[in-house]
Amino acid sequence: MKIGASELAKIFKSEIGFGLLGEFIECLTGYASSNSSEIINILEGLATTNRFSLSLQFLSEHERELCQQLFSDLDKSLSENGLNIDDRLQAVKQKYIHVTTT
């Protein structure tokens, strides 16, 4: 969270190493209720990296479940806090969920 979305996107621009995307998802799941906007920024940034869809395909079943939980927690947090970024959340959710459920 301290590094921030833009720096993470720069660091992993060429690709997210095998297994790291799942670890990011796992880490971000713990912050979903308190930092929704920043988490969405991070997820958006990671989705722009090369081989992102390949990284999604290699998520374990547990990581896929965590991804579903993360987006569920973000949905809940946005509705509770009245944040007006639901369109961004839905757009980034499409990038993560459609691959993880197939």
PDB file of N, CA and C in Angstrom:
ATOM      1  N   MET A   1       0.828  -1.183   0.000  1.00  0.00           N
ATOM      2  CA  MET A   1       0.000   0.000   0.000  1.00  0.00           C
ATOM      3  C   MET A   1       0.878   1.254   0.000  1.00  0.00           C
ATOM      4  N   LYS A   2       2.017   1.183   0.669  1.00  0.00           N
ATOM      5  CA  LYS A   2       2.895   2.354   0.737  1.00  0.00           C
ATOM      6  C   LYS A   2       3.541   2.664  -0.606  1.00  0.00           C
ATOM      7  N   ILE A   3       3.820   1.654  -1.385  1.00  0.00           N
ATOM      8  CA  ILE A   3       4.444   1.881  -2.694  1.00  0.00           C
ATOM      9  C   ILE A   3       3.483   2.603  -3.619  1.00  0.00           C
ATOM     10  N   GLY A   4       2.230   2.216  -3.593  1.00  0.00           N
ATOM     11  CA  GLY A   4       1.220   2.868  -4.407  1.00  0.00           C
ATOM     12  C   GLY A   4       1.008   2.204  -5.754  1.00  0.00           C
ATOM     13  N   ALA A   5      -0.133   2.485  -6.322  1.00  0.00           N
ATOM     14  CA  ALA A   5      -0.560   1.854  -7.566  1.00  0.00           C
ATOM     15  C   ALA A   5       0.340   2.180  -8.745  1.00  0.00           C
ATOM     16  N   SER A   6       0.699   3.437  -8.902  1.00  0.00           N
ATOM     17  CA  SER A   6       1.489   3.822 -10.088  1.00  0.00           C
ATOM     18  C   SER A   6       2.884   3.216 -10.042  1.00  0.00           C
ATOM     19  N   GLU A   7       3.498   3.160  -8.864  1.00  0.00           N
ATOM     20  CA  GLU A   7       4.829   2.564  -8.754  1.00  0.00           C
ATOM     21  C   GLU A   7       4.778   1.051  -8.985  1.00  0.00           C
ATOM     22  N   LEU A   8       3.757   0.395  -8.460  1.00  0.00           N
ATOM     23  CA  LEU A   8       3.624  -1.043  -8.697  1.00  0.00           C
ATOM     24  C   LEU A   8       3.445  -1.339 -10.182  1.00  0.00           C
ATOM     25  N   ALA A   9       2.646  -0.511 -10.851  1.00  0.00           N
ATOM     26  CA  ALA A   9       2.449  -0.701 -12.292  1.00  0.00           C
ATOM     27  C   ALA A   9       3.765  -0.533 -13.043  1.00  0.00           C
ATOM     28  N   LYS A  10       4.593   0.409 -12.623  1.00  0.00           N
ATOM     29  CA  LYS A  10       5.898   0.612 -13.270  1.00  0.00           C
ATOM     30  C   LYS A  10       6.827  -0.576 -13.004  1.00  0.00           C
ATOM     31  N   ILE A  11       6.863  -1.022 -11.765  1.00  0.00           N
ATOM     32  CA  ILE A  11       7.739  -2.129 -11.385  1.00  0.00           C
ATOM     33  C   ILE A  11       7.412  -3.392 -12.176  1.00  0.00           C
ATOM     34  N   PHE A  12       6.130  -3.665 -12.341  1.00  0.00           N
ATOM     35  CA  PHE A  12       5.713  -4.905 -12.978  1.00  0.00           C
ATOM     36  C   PHE A  12       5.236  -4.705 -14.413  1.00  0.00           C
ATOM     37  N   LYS A  13       5.619  -3.593 -15.034  1.00  0.00           N
ATOM     38  CA  LYS A  13       5.166  -3.289 -16.404  1.00  0.00           C
ATOM     39  C   LYS A  13       5.477  -4.425 -17.369  1.00  0.00           C
ATOM     40  N   SER A  14       6.676  -4.981 -17.294  1.00  0.00           N
ATOM     41  CA  SER A  14       7.033  -6.051 -18.245  1.00  0.00           C
ATOM     42  C   SER A  14       6.231  -7.316 -17.981  1.00  0.00           C
ATOM     43  N   GLU A  15       6.046  -7.664 -16.709  1.00  0.00           N
ATOM     44  CA  GLU A  15       5.170  -8.778 -16.348  1.00  0.00           C
ATOM     45  C   GLU A  15       5.162  -8.968 -14.846  1.00  0.00           C
ATOM     46  N   ILE A  16       4.125  -9.631 -14.388  1.00  0.00           N
ATOM     47  CA  ILE A  16       4.052 -10.030 -12.991  1.00  0.00           C
ATOM     48  C   ILE A  16       4.600 -11.443 -12.938  1.00  0.00           C
ATOM     49  N   GLY A  17       5.628 -11.650 -12.144  1.00  0.00           N
ATOM     50  CA  GLY A  17       6.245 -12.967 -12.048  1.00  0.00           C
ATOM     51  C   GLY A  17       5.253 -14.036 -11.617  1.00  0.00           C
ATOM     52  N   PHE A  18       5.544 -15.268 -11.998  1.00  0.00           N
ATOM     53  CA  PHE A  18       4.676 -16.397 -11.683  1.00  0.00           C
ATOM     54  C   PHE A  18       4.373 -16.442 -10.186  1.00  0.00           C
ATOM     55  N   GLY A  19       3.112 -16.449  -9.844  1.00  0.00           N
ATOM     56  CA  GLY A  19       2.693 -16.559  -8.465  1.00  0.00           C
ATOM     57  C   GLY A  19       2.504 -15.238  -7.733  1.00  0.00           C
ATOM     58  N   LEU A  20       3.066 -14.159  -8.246  1.00  0.00           N
ATOM     59  CA  LEU A  20       2.968 -12.885  -7.530  1.00  0.00           C
ATOM     60  C   LEU A  20       1.568 -12.276  -7.555  1.00  0.00           C
ATOM     61  N   LEU A  21       0.843 -12.463  -8.642  1.00  0.00           N
ATOM     62  CA  LEU A  21      -0.495 -11.881  -8.716  1.00  0.00           C
ATOM     63  C   LEU A  21      -1.369 -12.450  -7.606  1.00  0.00           C
ATOM     64  N   GLY A  22      -1.281 -13.751  -7.398  1.00  0.00           N
ATOM     65  CA  GLY A  22      -2.055 -14.374  -6.322  1.00  0.00           C
ATOM     66  C   GLY A  22      -1.672 -13.837  -4.959  1.00  0.00           C
ATOM     67  N   GLU A  23      -0.387 -13.581  -4.760  1.00  0.00           N
ATOM     68  CA  GLU A  23       0.067 -13.022  -3.494  1.00  0.00           C
ATOM     69  C   GLU A  23      -0.432 -11.588  -3.306  1.00  0.00           C
ATOM     70  N   PHE A  24      -0.458 -10.813  -4.398  1.00  0.00           N
ATOM     71  CA  PHE A  24      -1.013  -9.467  -4.315  1.00  0.00           C
ATOM     72  C   PHE A  24      -2.487  -9.534  -3.924  1.00  0.00           C
ATOM     73  N   ILE A  25      -3.223 -10.417  -4.563  1.00  0.00           N
ATOM     74  CA  ILE A  25      -4.650 -10.548  -4.269  1.00  0.00           C
ATOM     75  C   ILE A  25      -4.847 -10.922  -2.807  1.00  0.00           C
ATOM     76  N   GLU A  26      -4.044 -11.856  -2.331  1.00  0.00           N
ATOM     77  CA  GLU A  26      -4.154 -12.280  -0.934  1.00  0.00           C
ATOM     78  C   GLU A  26      -3.866 -11.112   0.016  1.00  0.00           C
ATOM     79  N   CYS A  27      -2.829 -10.364  -0.256  1.00  0.00           N
ATOM     80  CA  CYS A  27      -2.487  -9.216   0.595  1.00  0.00           C
ATOM     81  C   CYS A  27      -3.564  -8.140   0.557  1.00  0.00           C
ATOM     82  N   LEU A  28      -4.069  -7.848  -0.623  1.00  0.00           N
ATOM     83  CA  LEU A  28      -5.059  -6.779  -0.763  1.00  0.00           C
ATOM     84  C   LEU A  28      -6.388  -7.132  -0.112  1.00  0.00           C
ATOM     85  N   THR A  29      -6.692  -8.416  -0.019  1.00  0.00           N
ATOM     86  CA  THR A  29      -7.958  -8.833   0.579  1.00  0.00           C
ATOM     87  C   THR A  29      -8.082  -8.325   2.012  1.00  0.00           C
ATOM     88  N   GLY A  30      -6.990  -8.258   2.730  1.00  0.00           N
ATOM     89  CA  GLY A  30      -7.022  -7.774   4.101  1.00  0.00           C
ATOM     90  C   GLY A  30      -7.270  -6.283   4.242  1.00  0.00           C
ATOM     91  N   TYR A  31      -7.094  -5.522   3.184  1.00  0.00           N
ATOM     92  CA  TYR A  31      -7.247  -4.072   3.232  1.00  0.00           C
ATOM     93  C   TYR A  31      -8.542  -3.577   2.592  1.00  0.00           C
ATOM     94  N   ALA A  32      -9.352  -4.457   2.085  1.00  0.00           N
ATOM     95  CA  ALA A  32     -10.491  -4.061   1.250  1.00  0.00           C
ATOM     96  C   ALA A  32     -11.443  -3.085   1.930  1.00  0.00           C
ATOM     97  N   SER A  33     -11.662  -3.233   3.210  1.00  0.00           N
ATOM     98  CA  SER A  33     -12.653  -2.373   3.852  1.00  0.00           C
ATOM     99  C   SER A  33     -12.139  -0.963   4.141  1.00  0.00           C
ATOM    100  N   SER A  34     -10.830  -0.799   4.266  1.00  0.00           N
ATOM    101  CA  SER A  34     -10.323   0.509   4.664  1.00  0.00           C
ATOM    102  C   SER A  34      -9.668   1.324   3.542  1.00  0.00           C
ATOM    103  N   ASN A  35      -9.302   0.687   2.452  1.00  0.00           N
ATOM    104  CA  ASN A  35      -8.579   1.379   1.383  1.00  0.00           C
ATOM    105  C   ASN A  35      -9.120   1.038  -0.001  1.00  0.00           C
ATOM    106  N   SER A  36     -10.413   1.040  -0.138  1.00  0.00           N
ATOM    107  CA  SER A  36     -11.046   0.591  -1.380  1.00  0.00           C
ATOM    108  C   SER A  36     -10.533   1.306  -2.614  1.00  0.00           C
ATOM    109  N   SER A  37     -10.439   2.606  -2.543  1.00  0.00           N
ATOM    110  CA  SER A  37     -10.028   3.380  -3.706  1.00  0.00           C
ATOM    111  C   SER A  37      -8.605   3.028  -4.131  1.00  0.00           C
ATOM    112  N   GLU A  38      -7.684   2.939  -3.172  1.00  0.00           N
ATOM    113  CA  GLU A  38      -6.296   2.608  -3.490  1.00  0.00           C
ATOM    114  C   GLU A  38      -6.173   1.172  -4.008  1.00  0.00           C
ATOM    115  N   ILE A  39      -6.961   0.267  -3.467  1.00  0.00           N
ATOM    116  CA  ILE A  39      -6.927  -1.117  -3.946  1.00  0.00           C
ATOM    117  C   ILE A  39      -7.393  -1.188  -5.389  1.00  0.00           C
ATOM    118  N   ILE A  40      -8.437  -0.453  -5.714  1.00  0.00           N
ATOM    119  CA  ILE A  40      -8.909  -0.429  -7.103  1.00  0.00           C
ATOM    120  C   ILE A  40      -7.821   0.138  -8.005  1.00  0.00           C
ATOM    121  N   ASN A  41      -7.137   1.180  -7.550  1.00  0.00           N
ATOM    122  CA  ASN A  41      -6.015   1.739  -8.327  1.00  0.00           C
ATOM    123  C   ASN A  41      -4.935   0.684  -8.561  1.00  0.00           C
ATOM    124  N   ILE A  42      -4.597  -0.066  -7.526  1.00  0.00           N
ATOM    125  CA  ILE A  42      -3.571  -1.105  -7.646  1.00  0.00           C
ATOM    126  C   ILE A  42      -4.028  -2.189  -8.616  1.00  0.00           C
ATOM    127  N   LEU A  43      -5.263  -2.640  -8.480  1.00  0.00           N
ATOM    128  CA  LEU A  43      -5.774  -3.678  -9.378  1.00  0.00           C
ATOM    129  C   LEU A  43      -5.802  -3.204 -10.829  1.00  0.00           C
ATOM    130  N   GLU A  44      -6.168  -1.939 -11.036  1.00  0.00           N
ATOM    131  CA  GLU A  44      -6.148  -1.368 -12.384  1.00  0.00           C
ATOM    132  C   GLU A  44      -4.733  -1.359 -12.936  1.00  0.00           C
ATOM    133  N   GLY A  45      -3.790  -0.926 -12.128  1.00  0.00           N
ATOM    134  CA  GLY A  45      -2.397  -0.863 -12.570  1.00  0.00           C
ATOM    135  C   GLY A  45      -1.835  -2.231 -12.902  1.00  0.00           C
ATOM    136  N   LEU A  46      -2.101  -3.217 -12.059  1.00  0.00           N
ATOM    137  CA  LEU A  46      -1.605  -4.569 -12.323  1.00  0.00           C
ATOM    138  C   LEU A  46      -2.238  -5.159 -13.583  1.00  0.00           C
ATOM    139  N   ALA A  47      -3.479  -4.781 -13.852  1.00  0.00           N
ATOM    140  CA  ALA A  47      -4.173  -5.295 -15.037  1.00  0.00           C
ATOM    141  C   ALA A  47      -3.577  -4.760 -16.338  1.00  0.00           C
ATOM    142  N   THR A  48      -2.758  -3.714 -16.252  1.00  0.00           N
ATOM    143  CA  THR A  48      -2.145  -3.146 -17.467  1.00  0.00           C
ATOM    144  C   THR A  48      -0.790  -3.783 -17.778  1.00  0.00           C
ATOM    145  N   THR A  49      -0.307  -4.642 -16.904  1.00  0.00           N
ATOM    146  CA  THR A  49       1.008  -5.243 -17.123  1.00  0.00           C
ATOM    147  C   THR A  49       0.958  -6.302 -18.214  1.00  0.00           C
ATOM    148  N   ASN A  50       2.098  -6.513 -18.840  1.00  0.00           N
ATOM    149  CA  ASN A  50       2.191  -7.565 -19.847  1.00  0.00           C
ATOM    150  C   ASN A  50       1.965  -8.922 -19.183  1.00  0.00           C
ATOM    151  N   ARG A  51       1.378  -9.809 -19.903  1.00  0.00           N
ATOM    152  CA  ARG A  51       1.098 -11.175 -19.457  1.00  0.00           C
ATOM    153  C   ARG A  51       0.153 -11.243 -18.259  1.00  0.00           C
ATOM    154  N   PHE A  52      -0.642 -10.199 -18.085  1.00  0.00           N
ATOM    155  CA  PHE A  52      -1.606 -10.178 -16.988  1.00  0.00           C
ATOM    156  C   PHE A  52      -2.587 -11.347 -17.111  1.00  0.00           C
ATOM    157  N   SER A  53      -3.142 -11.538 -18.289  1.00  0.00           N
ATOM    158  CA  SER A  53      -4.134 -12.611 -18.444  1.00  0.00           C
ATOM    159  C   SER A  53      -3.503 -13.984 -18.217  1.00  0.00           C
ATOM    160  N   LEU A  54      -2.245 -14.132 -18.581  1.00  0.00           N
ATOM    161  CA  LEU A  54      -1.547 -15.388 -18.319  1.00  0.00           C
ATOM    162  C   LEU A  54      -1.385 -15.600 -16.811  1.00  0.00           C
ATOM    163  N   SER A  55      -1.043 -14.549 -16.096  1.00  0.00           N
ATOM    164  CA  SER A  55      -0.924 -14.644 -14.639  1.00  0.00           C
ATOM    165  C   SER A  55      -2.252 -15.041 -14.004  1.00  0.00           C
ATOM    166  N   LEU A  56      -3.349 -14.495 -14.523  1.00  0.00           N
ATOM    167  CA  LEU A  56      -4.673 -14.866 -14.013  1.00  0.00           C
ATOM    168  C   LEU A  56      -4.952 -16.352 -14.219  1.00  0.00           C
ATOM    169  N   GLN A  57      -4.561 -16.860 -15.357  1.00  0.00           N
ATOM    170  CA  GLN A  57      -4.824 -18.266 -15.656  1.00  0.00           C
ATOM    171  C   GLN A  57      -4.076 -19.214 -14.731  1.00  0.00           C
ATOM    172  N   PHE A  58      -2.977 -18.753 -14.151  1.00  0.00           N
ATOM    173  CA  PHE A  58      -2.188 -19.599 -13.269  1.00  0.00           C
ATOM    174  C   PHE A  58      -2.531 -19.429 -11.791  1.00  0.00           C
ATOM    175  N   LEU A  59      -3.590 -18.679 -11.489  1.00  0.00           N
ATOM    176  CA  LEU A  59      -4.006 -18.564 -10.097  1.00  0.00           C
ATOM    177  C   LEU A  59      -4.489 -19.916  -9.592  1.00  0.00           C
ATOM    178  N   SER A  60      -4.161 -20.234  -8.348  1.00  0.00           N
ATOM    179  CA  SER A  60      -4.658 -21.469  -7.740  1.00  0.00           C
ATOM    180  C   SER A  60      -6.147 -21.310  -7.421  1.00  0.00           C
ATOM    181  N   GLU A  61      -6.795 -22.393  -7.092  1.00  0.00           N
ATOM    182  CA  GLU A  61      -8.209 -22.336  -6.730  1.00  0.00           C
ATOM    183  C   GLU A  61      -8.409 -21.424  -5.512  1.00  0.00           C
ATOM    184  N   HIS A  62      -7.529 -21.537  -4.550  1.00  0.00           N
ATOM    185  CA  HIS A  62      -7.607 -20.691  -3.354  1.00  0.00           C
ATOM    186  C   HIS A  62      -7.463 -19.210  -3.735  1.00  0.00           C
ATOM    187  N   GLU A  63      -6.535 -18.887  -4.624  1.00  0.00           N
ATOM    188  CA  GLU A  63      -6.338 -17.509  -5.063  1.00  0.00           C
ATOM    189  C   GLU A  63      -7.536 -16.995  -5.848  1.00  0.00           C
ATOM    190  N   ARG A  64      -8.164 -17.871  -6.610  1.00  0.00           N
ATOM    191  CA  ARG A  64      -9.383 -17.471  -7.335  1.00  0.00           C
ATOM    192  C   ARG A  64     -10.507 -17.134  -6.358  1.00  0.00           C
ATOM    193  N   GLU A  65     -10.615 -17.939  -5.312  1.00  0.00           N
ATOM    194  CA  GLU A  65     -11.621 -17.671  -4.282  1.00  0.00           C
ATOM    195  C   GLU A  65     -11.329 -16.347  -3.572  1.00  0.00           C
ATOM    196  N   LEU A  66     -10.050 -16.104  -3.287  1.00  0.00           N
ATOM    197  CA  LEU A  66      -9.667 -14.830  -2.671  1.00  0.00           C
ATOM    198  C   LEU A  66      -9.992 -13.651  -3.579  1.00  0.00           C
ATOM    199  N   CYS A  67      -9.814 -13.833  -4.870  1.00  0.00           N
ATOM    200  CA  CYS A  67     -10.135 -12.778  -5.836  1.00  0.00           C
ATOM    201  C   CYS A  67     -11.635 -12.461  -5.785  1.00  0.00           C
ATOM    202  N   GLN A  68     -12.448 -13.505  -5.758  1.00  0.00           N
ATOM    203  CA  GLN A  68     -13.898 -13.308  -5.637  1.00  0.00           C
ATOM    204  C   GLN A  68     -14.217 -12.586  -4.331  1.00  0.00           C
ATOM    205  N   GLN A  69     -13.563 -13.005  -3.245  1.00  0.00           N
ATOM    206  CA  GLN A  69     -13.799 -12.388  -1.937  1.00  0.00           C
ATOM    207  C   GLN A  69     -13.367 -10.926  -1.931  1.00  0.00           C
ATOM    208  N   LEU A  70     -12.238 -10.643  -2.552  1.00  0.00           N
ATOM    209  CA  LEU A  70     -11.746  -9.266  -2.623  1.00  0.00           C
ATOM    210  C   LEU A  70     -12.767  -8.359  -3.299  1.00  0.00           C
ATOM    211  N   PHE A  71     -13.301  -8.789  -4.422  1.00  0.00           N
ATOM    212  CA  PHE A  71     -14.272  -7.948  -5.120  1.00  0.00           C
ATOM    213  C   PHE A  71     -15.584  -7.856  -4.358  1.00  0.00           C
ATOM    214  N   SER A  72     -15.954  -8.900  -3.671  1.00  0.00           N
ATOM    215  CA  SER A  72     -17.147  -8.849  -2.824  1.00  0.00           C
ATOM    216  C   SER A  72     -16.952  -7.845  -1.688  1.00  0.00           C
ATOM    217  N   ASP A  73     -15.774  -7.889  -1.058  1.00  0.00           N
ATOM    218  CA  ASP A  73     -15.469  -6.941   0.018  1.00  0.00           C
ATOM    219  C   ASP A  73     -15.421  -5.513  -0.503  1.00  0.00           C
ATOM    220  N   LEU A  74     -14.863  -5.324  -1.690  1.00  0.00           N
ATOM    221  CA  LEU A  74     -14.817  -3.977  -2.275  1.00  0.00           C
ATOM    222  C   LEU A  74     -16.218  -3.467  -2.579  1.00  0.00           C
ATOM    223  N   ASP A  75     -17.069  -4.323  -3.124  1.00  0.00           N
ATOM    224  CA  ASP A  75     -18.467  -3.931  -3.372  1.00  0.00           C
ATOM    225  C   ASP A  75     -19.131  -3.471  -2.077  1.00  0.00           C
ATOM    226  N   LYS A  76     -18.951  -4.262  -1.039  1.00  0.00           N
ATOM    227  CA  LYS A  76     -19.555  -3.951   0.260  1.00  0.00           C
ATOM    228  C   LYS A  76     -19.001  -2.640   0.810  1.00  0.00           C
ATOM    229  N   SER A  77     -17.708  -2.459   0.741  1.00  0.00           N
ATOM    230  CA  SER A  77     -17.073  -1.253   1.260  1.00  0.00           C
ATOM    231  C   SER A  77     -17.556  -0.005   0.538  1.00  0.00           C
ATOM    232  N   LEU A  78     -17.674  -0.104  -0.788  1.00  0.00           N
ATOM    233  CA  LEU A  78     -18.128   1.056  -1.558  1.00  0.00           C
ATOM    234  C   LEU A  78     -19.547   1.444  -1.177  1.00  0.00           C
ATOM    235  N   SER A  79     -20.413   0.445  -1.010  1.00  0.00           N
ATOM    236  CA  SER A  79     -21.797   0.764  -0.668  1.00  0.00           C
ATOM    237  C   SER A  79     -21.905   1.328   0.746  1.00  0.00           C
ATOM    238  N   GLU A  80     -21.078   0.829   1.672  1.00  0.00           N
ATOM    239  CA  GLU A  80     -21.107   1.323   3.050  1.00  0.00           C
ATOM    240  C   GLU A  80     -20.534   2.728   3.168  1.00  0.00           C
ATOM    241  N   ASN A  81     -19.520   3.027   2.378  1.00  0.00           N
ATOM    242  CA  ASN A  81     -18.834   4.322   2.486  1.00  0.00           C
ATOM    243  C   ASN A  81     -19.327   5.362   1.496  1.00  0.00           C
ATOM    244  N   GLY A  82     -20.230   4.972   0.620  1.00  0.00           N
ATOM    245  CA  GLY A  82     -20.800   5.912  -0.330  1.00  0.00           C
ATOM    246  C   GLY A  82     -19.808   6.446  -1.351  1.00  0.00           C
ATOM    247  N   LEU A  83     -18.751   5.675  -1.621  1.00  0.00           N
ATOM    248  CA  LEU A  83     -17.772   6.123  -2.612  1.00  0.00           C
ATOM    249  C   LEU A  83     -18.354   5.992  -4.013  1.00  0.00           C
ATOM    250  N   ASN A  84     -18.087   6.960  -4.853  1.00  0.00           N
ATOM    251  CA  ASN A  84     -18.660   7.002  -6.193  1.00  0.00           C
ATOM    252  C   ASN A  84     -17.650   6.503  -7.227  1.00  0.00           C
ATOM    253  N   ILE A  85     -17.189   5.270  -7.051  1.00  0.00           N
ATOM    254  CA  ILE A  85     -16.230   4.695  -8.003  1.00  0.00           C
ATOM    255  C   ILE A  85     -16.688   3.308  -8.459  1.00  0.00           C
ATOM    256  N   ASP A  86     -17.982   3.072  -8.372  1.00  0.00           N
ATOM    257  CA  ASP A  86     -18.515   1.762  -8.722  1.00  0.00           C
ATOM    258  C   ASP A  86     -18.232   1.396 -10.181  1.00  0.00           C
ATOM    259  N   ASP A  87     -18.261   2.372 -11.098  1.00  0.00           N
ATOM    260  CA  ASP A  87     -17.965   2.089 -12.509  1.00  0.00           C
ATOM    261  C   ASP A  87     -16.543   1.570 -12.681  1.00  0.00           C
ATOM    262  N   ARG A  88     -15.617   2.182 -11.983  1.00  0.00           N
ATOM    263  CA  ARG A  88     -14.216   1.730 -12.041  1.00  0.00           C
ATOM    264  C   ARG A  88     -14.090   0.332 -11.460  1.00  0.00           C
ATOM    265  N   LEU A  89     -14.776   0.080 -10.357  1.00  0.00           N
ATOM    266  CA  LEU A  89     -14.721  -1.246  -9.737  1.00  0.00           C
ATOM    267  C   LEU A  89     -15.260  -2.298 -10.692  1.00  0.00           C
ATOM    268  N   GLN A  90     -16.380  -2.014 -11.323  1.00  0.00           N
ATOM    269  CA  GLN A  90     -16.969  -2.995 -12.241  1.00  0.00           C
ATOM    270  C   GLN A  90     -16.060  -3.248 -13.442  1.00  0.00           C
ATOM    271  N   ALA A  91     -15.407  -2.218 -13.927  1.00  0.00           N
ATOM    272  CA  ALA A  91     -14.501  -2.381 -15.072  1.00  0.00           C
ATOM    273  C   ALA A  91     -13.300  -3.245 -14.708  1.00  0.00           C
ATOM    274  N   VAL A  92     -12.711  -2.989 -13.550  1.00  0.00           N
ATOM    275  CA  VAL A  92     -11.544  -3.786 -13.153  1.00  0.00           C
ATOM    276  C   VAL A  92     -11.977  -5.204 -12.764  1.00  0.00           C
ATOM    277  N   LYS A  93     -13.151  -5.323 -12.200  1.00  0.00           N
ATOM    278  CA  LYS A  93     -13.671  -6.646 -11.838  1.00  0.00           C
ATOM    279  C   LYS A  93     -13.807  -7.529 -13.074  1.00  0.00           C
ATOM    280  N   GLN A  94     -14.247  -6.949 -14.167  1.00  0.00           N
ATOM    281  CA  GLN A  94     -14.374  -7.704 -15.417  1.00  0.00           C
ATOM    282  C   GLN A  94     -13.034  -8.256 -15.881  1.00  0.00           C
ATOM    283  N   LYS A  95     -11.980  -7.512 -15.648  1.00  0.00           N
ATOM    284  CA  LYS A  95     -10.646  -7.948 -16.073  1.00  0.00           C
ATOM    285  C   LYS A  95     -10.154  -9.132 -15.254  1.00  0.00           C
ATOM    286  N   TYR A  96     -10.541  -9.184 -14.002  1.00  0.00           N
ATOM    287  CA  TYR A  96     -10.068 -10.247 -13.105  1.00  0.00           C
ATOM    288  C   TYR A  96     -11.006 -11.455 -13.070  1.00  0.00           C
ATOM    289  N   ILE A  97     -12.285 -11.192 -12.972  1.00  0.00           N
ATOM    290  CA  ILE A  97     -13.236 -12.270 -12.702  1.00  0.00           C
ATOM    291  C   ILE A  97     -13.544 -13.114 -13.919  1.00  0.00           C
ATOM    292  N   HIS A  98     -13.656 -12.531 -15.098  1.00  0.00           N
ATOM    293  CA  HIS A  98     -14.056 -13.337 -16.249  1.00  0.00           C
ATOM    294  C   HIS A  98     -13.037 -14.428 -16.550  1.00  0.00           C
ATOM    295  N   VAL A  99     -11.787 -14.196 -16.287  1.00  0.00           N
ATOM    296  CA  VAL A  99     -10.745 -15.215 -16.534  1.00  0.00           C
ATOM    297  C   VAL A  99     -10.699 -16.211 -15.384  1.00  0.00           C
ATOM    298  N   THR A 100     -10.875 -15.735 -14.151  1.00  0.00           N
ATOM    299  CA  THR A 100     -10.731 -16.612 -13.001  1.00  0.00           C
ATOM    300  C   THR A 100     -11.892 -17.591 -12.839  1.00  0.00           C
ATOM    301  N   THR A 101     -13.011 -17.321 -13.494  1.00  0.00           N
ATOM    302  CA  THR A 101     -14.149 -18.225 -13.358  1.00  0.00           C
ATOM    303  C   THR A 101     -14.252 -19.229 -14.496  1.00  0.00           C
ATOM    304  N   THR A 102     -13.386 -19.128 -15.496  1.00  0.00           N
ATOM    305  CA  THR A 102     -13.456 -20.066 -16.606  1.00  0.00           C
ATOM    306  C   THR A 102     -12.484 -21.201 -16.442  1.00  0.00           C
TER     307      THR A 102
END
